[in-house]
């Protein structure tokens, strides 16, 4: 899923957007402060976001509080159950940063359907194109 989102964000259709990719354990507050918008992806683990994503958000929350207000974001989740726990927990934390969700999450639950990867690519492309056009 992440590879498809990244491919969409780096599409040749978008020329003036720089994409930075960081695994959750390597990402930090500086990445959120640097960007104009961001996409976060996680597997659903025990009905919640991954531990790595939670660790990233824990480390980044207070250094970014009041400094990223209004930045656009979107989520993508690979779920073994229904994904609602992962999505709602991430939204809850991100709401405290006053960022704004600009696209519905891409959620692939249950059996993996490779055909759904086009939705992931569209998520990345829409975010990049929206940033380039000044819509987000």
C-alpha atoms as a PDB file:
ATOM      1  CA  UNK A   1       0.000   0.000   0.000  1.00  0.00           C
ATOM      2  CA  UNK A   2       2.736   2.445   0.939  1.00  0.00           C
ATOM      3  CA  UNK A   3       4.574   1.857  -2.333  1.00  0.00           C
ATOM      4  CA  UNK A   4       1.407   2.653  -4.283  1.00  0.00           C
ATOM      5  CA  UNK A   5       0.737   5.823  -2.249  1.00  0.00           C
ATOM      6  CA  UNK A   6       4.333   6.948  -2.800  1.00  0.00           C
ATOM      7  CA  UNK A   7       4.119   6.201  -6.536  1.00  0.00           C
ATOM      8  CA  UNK A   8       0.992   8.334  -6.763  1.00  0.00           C
ATOM      9  CA  UNK A   9       2.571  11.211  -4.857  1.00  0.00           C
ATOM     10  CA  UNK A  10       5.640  11.071  -7.101  1.00  0.00           C
ATOM     11  CA  UNK A  11       3.617  10.880 -10.326  1.00  0.00           C
ATOM     12  CA  UNK A  12       4.966  12.631 -13.409  1.00  0.00           C
ATOM     13  CA  UNK A  13       1.650  14.528 -13.430  1.00  0.00           C
ATOM     14  CA  UNK A  14       2.889  16.555 -10.453  1.00  0.00           C
ATOM     15  CA  UNK A  15       6.084  18.532 -10.936  1.00  0.00           C
ATOM     16  CA  UNK A  16       6.476  20.987  -8.069  1.00  0.00           C
ATOM     17  CA  UNK A  17       6.017  18.797  -5.006  1.00  0.00           C
ATOM     18  CA  UNK A  18       8.901  17.298  -3.062  1.00  0.00           C
ATOM     19  CA  UNK A  19       8.091  13.957  -1.456  1.00  0.00           C
ATOM     20  CA  UNK A  20       9.830  12.825   1.715  1.00  0.00           C
ATOM     21  CA  UNK A  21       9.289   9.212   2.795  1.00  0.00           C
ATOM     22  CA  UNK A  22      10.041   8.090   6.352  1.00  0.00           C
ATOM     23  CA  UNK A  23       9.242   4.854   8.174  1.00  0.00           C
ATOM     24  CA  UNK A  24       7.399   5.595  11.420  1.00  0.00           C
ATOM     25  CA  UNK A  25      10.383   4.649  13.581  1.00  0.00           C
ATOM     26  CA  UNK A  26      12.620   7.101  11.698  1.00  0.00           C
ATOM     27  CA  UNK A  27      10.146   9.968  11.255  1.00  0.00           C
ATOM     28  CA  UNK A  28      10.095  12.797  13.771  1.00  0.00           C
ATOM     29  CA  UNK A  29       8.610  16.198  14.500  1.00  0.00           C
ATOM     30  CA  UNK A  30      10.974  17.877  12.035  1.00  0.00           C
ATOM     31  CA  UNK A  31       9.317  15.931   9.221  1.00  0.00           C
ATOM     32  CA  UNK A  32       5.881  17.251  10.189  1.00  0.00           C
ATOM     33  CA  UNK A  33       7.216  20.783  10.571  1.00  0.00           C
ATOM     34  CA  UNK A  34       8.953  20.557   7.158  1.00  0.00           C
ATOM     35  CA  UNK A  35       6.010  19.351   5.105  1.00  0.00           C
ATOM     36  CA  UNK A  36       3.064  21.199   3.606  1.00  0.00           C
ATOM     37  CA  UNK A  37       0.854  18.103   3.926  1.00  0.00           C
ATOM     38  CA  UNK A  38       1.279  14.486   4.930  1.00  0.00           C
ATOM     39  CA  UNK A  39       0.009  10.962   4.460  1.00  0.00           C
ATOM     40  CA  UNK A  40       0.202   8.414   7.272  1.00  0.00           C
ATOM     41  CA  UNK A  41      -0.167   4.691   6.775  1.00  0.00           C
ATOM     42  CA  UNK A  42      -0.345   1.869   9.270  1.00  0.00           C
ATOM     43  CA  UNK A  43      -1.363  -1.724   9.638  1.00  0.00           C
ATOM     44  CA  UNK A  44      -4.136  -2.366  12.103  1.00  0.00           C
ATOM     45  CA  UNK A  45      -2.723  -4.247  15.096  1.00  0.00           C
ATOM     46  CA  UNK A  46      -5.185  -5.553  17.673  1.00  0.00           C
ATOM     47  CA  UNK A  47      -7.765  -3.023  16.492  1.00  0.00           C
ATOM     48  CA  UNK A  48      -5.325  -0.099  16.863  1.00  0.00           C
ATOM     49  CA  UNK A  49      -2.595   1.667  14.889  1.00  0.00           C
ATOM     50  CA  UNK A  50       0.833   0.029  14.857  1.00  0.00           C
ATOM     51  CA  UNK A  51       3.128   0.544  17.808  1.00  0.00           C
ATOM     52  CA  UNK A  52       5.599   2.285  15.510  1.00  0.00           C
ATOM     53  CA  UNK A  53       2.954   4.810  14.406  1.00  0.00           C
ATOM     54  CA  UNK A  54       1.898   5.447  17.999  1.00  0.00           C
ATOM     55  CA  UNK A  55       5.543   5.965  18.957  1.00  0.00           C
ATOM     56  CA  UNK A  56       5.975   8.472  16.095  1.00  0.00           C
ATOM     57  CA  UNK A  57       2.878  10.410  17.123  1.00  0.00           C
ATOM     58  CA  UNK A  58       3.925  10.346  20.790  1.00  0.00           C
ATOM     59  CA  UNK A  59       7.367  11.752  19.944  1.00  0.00           C
ATOM     60  CA  UNK A  60       6.028  14.373  17.543  1.00  0.00           C
ATOM     61  CA  UNK A  61       2.892  15.641  19.236  1.00  0.00           C
ATOM     62  CA  UNK A  62       4.228  18.214  21.713  1.00  0.00           C
ATOM     63  CA  UNK A  63       7.044  19.586  19.502  1.00  0.00           C
ATOM     64  CA  UNK A  64       4.433  20.151  16.737  1.00  0.00           C
ATOM     65  CA  UNK A  65       1.551  21.360  18.872  1.00  0.00           C
ATOM     66  CA  UNK A  66       0.474  24.805  17.672  1.00  0.00           C
ATOM     67  CA  UNK A  67       2.961  24.703  14.771  1.00  0.00           C
ATOM     68  CA  UNK A  68       1.177  22.541  12.169  1.00  0.00           C
ATOM     69  CA  UNK A  69      -2.352  23.909  12.474  1.00  0.00           C
ATOM     70  CA  UNK A  70      -4.350  23.481   9.286  1.00  0.00           C
ATOM     71  CA  UNK A  71      -1.867  21.227   7.472  1.00  0.00           C
ATOM     72  CA  UNK A  72      -3.673  18.720   5.268  1.00  0.00           C
ATOM     73  CA  UNK A  73      -3.377  14.996   5.885  1.00  0.00           C
ATOM     74  CA  UNK A  74      -4.868  11.692   4.842  1.00  0.00           C
ATOM     75  CA  UNK A  75      -4.596   8.118   6.114  1.00  0.00           C
ATOM     76  CA  UNK A  76      -4.265   4.631   4.679  1.00  0.00           C
ATOM     77  CA  UNK A  77      -4.754   1.456   6.697  1.00  0.00           C
ATOM     78  CA  UNK A  78      -4.306  -2.247   6.062  1.00  0.00           C
ATOM     79  CA  UNK A  79      -6.664  -3.969   8.458  1.00  0.00           C
ATOM     80  CA  UNK A  80      -7.141  -7.552   9.515  1.00  0.00           C
ATOM     81  CA  UNK A  81     -10.411  -6.602  11.209  1.00  0.00           C
ATOM     82  CA  UNK A  82     -12.457  -3.585  10.184  1.00  0.00           C
ATOM     83  CA  UNK A  83      -9.828  -0.833  10.578  1.00  0.00           C
ATOM     84  CA  UNK A  84     -12.074   1.530  12.504  1.00  0.00           C
ATOM     85  CA  UNK A  85      -9.969   1.374  15.669  1.00  0.00           C
ATOM     86  CA  UNK A  86      -6.771   2.312  13.838  1.00  0.00           C
ATOM     87  CA  UNK A  87      -8.441   5.146  11.954  1.00  0.00           C
ATOM     88  CA  UNK A  88     -10.285   6.583  14.951  1.00  0.00           C
ATOM     89  CA  UNK A  89      -7.219   6.459  17.213  1.00  0.00           C
ATOM     90  CA  UNK A  90      -5.076   8.265  14.654  1.00  0.00           C
ATOM     91  CA  UNK A  91      -7.786  10.847  14.016  1.00  0.00           C
ATOM     92  CA  UNK A  92      -8.143  11.441  17.754  1.00  0.00           C
ATOM     93  CA  UNK A  93      -4.442  12.219  18.172  1.00  0.00           C
ATOM     94  CA  UNK A  94      -4.218  14.282  14.981  1.00  0.00           C
ATOM     95  CA  UNK A  95      -7.232  16.367  15.984  1.00  0.00           C
ATOM     96  CA  UNK A  96      -5.139  17.625  18.900  1.00  0.00           C
ATOM     97  CA  UNK A  97      -2.639  19.004  16.386  1.00  0.00           C
ATOM     98  CA  UNK A  98      -5.410  20.912  14.586  1.00  0.00           C
ATOM     99  CA  UNK A  99      -4.465  19.428  11.231  1.00  0.00           C
ATOM    100  CA  UNK A 100      -7.227  18.824   8.707  1.00  0.00           C
ATOM    101  CA  UNK A 101      -8.167  15.626   6.984  1.00  0.00           C
ATOM    102  CA  UNK A 102      -8.636  16.362   3.283  1.00  0.00           C
ATOM    103  CA  UNK A 103      -9.429  12.883   1.940  1.00  0.00           C
ATOM    104  CA  UNK A 104     -11.257   9.853   3.279  1.00  0.00           C
ATOM    105  CA  UNK A 105      -8.880   7.110   4.448  1.00  0.00           C
ATOM    106  CA  UNK A 106      -8.059   4.269   2.120  1.00  0.00           C
ATOM    107  CA  UNK A 107      -8.887   1.142   4.079  1.00  0.00           C
ATOM    108  CA  UNK A 108      -8.147  -2.349   2.862  1.00  0.00           C
ATOM    109  CA  UNK A 109      -9.677  -4.814   5.311  1.00  0.00           C
ATOM    110  CA  UNK A 110      -9.719  -8.588   5.302  1.00  0.00           C
ATOM    111  CA  UNK A 111      -8.317 -10.374   2.298  1.00  0.00           C
ATOM    112  CA  UNK A 112      -5.878  -8.241   0.335  1.00  0.00           C
ATOM    113  CA  UNK A 113      -7.154  -7.195  -3.060  1.00  0.00           C
ATOM    114  CA  UNK A 114      -4.307  -5.974  -5.243  1.00  0.00           C
ATOM    115  CA  UNK A 115      -6.858  -4.156  -7.395  1.00  0.00           C
ATOM    116  CA  UNK A 116      -7.438  -1.755  -4.522  1.00  0.00           C
ATOM    117  CA  UNK A 117      -3.864  -0.498  -4.863  1.00  0.00           C
ATOM    118  CA  UNK A 118      -5.152   1.965  -7.456  1.00  0.00           C
ATOM    119  CA  UNK A 119      -7.018   3.696  -4.608  1.00  0.00           C
ATOM    120  CA  UNK A 120      -3.722   4.020  -2.752  1.00  0.00           C
ATOM    121  CA  UNK A 121      -2.033   5.519  -5.786  1.00  0.00           C
ATOM    122  CA  UNK A 122      -4.948   7.937  -6.194  1.00  0.00           C
ATOM    123  CA  UNK A 123      -4.583   8.967  -2.545  1.00  0.00           C
ATOM    124  CA  UNK A 124      -0.948   9.933  -3.084  1.00  0.00           C
ATOM    125  CA  UNK A 125      -1.620  11.644  -6.401  1.00  0.00           C
ATOM    126  CA  UNK A 126      -4.576  13.621  -5.059  1.00  0.00           C
ATOM    127  CA  UNK A 127      -2.571  14.897  -2.088  1.00  0.00           C
ATOM    128  CA  UNK A 128       0.389  15.912  -4.262  1.00  0.00           C
ATOM    129  CA  UNK A 129      -1.786  17.510  -6.946  1.00  0.00           C
ATOM    130  CA  UNK A 130      -3.863  19.306  -4.324  1.00  0.00           C
ATOM    131  CA  UNK A 131      -0.736  20.736  -2.706  1.00  0.00           C
ATOM    132  CA  UNK A 132       0.708  21.761  -6.073  1.00  0.00           C
ATOM    133  CA  UNK A 133      -2.551  23.485  -7.076  1.00  0.00           C
ATOM    134  CA  UNK A 134      -2.899  25.226  -3.710  1.00  0.00           C
ATOM    135  CA  UNK A 135      -6.217  23.490  -3.019  1.00  0.00           C
ATOM    136  CA  UNK A 136      -4.985  21.978   0.238  1.00  0.00           C
END
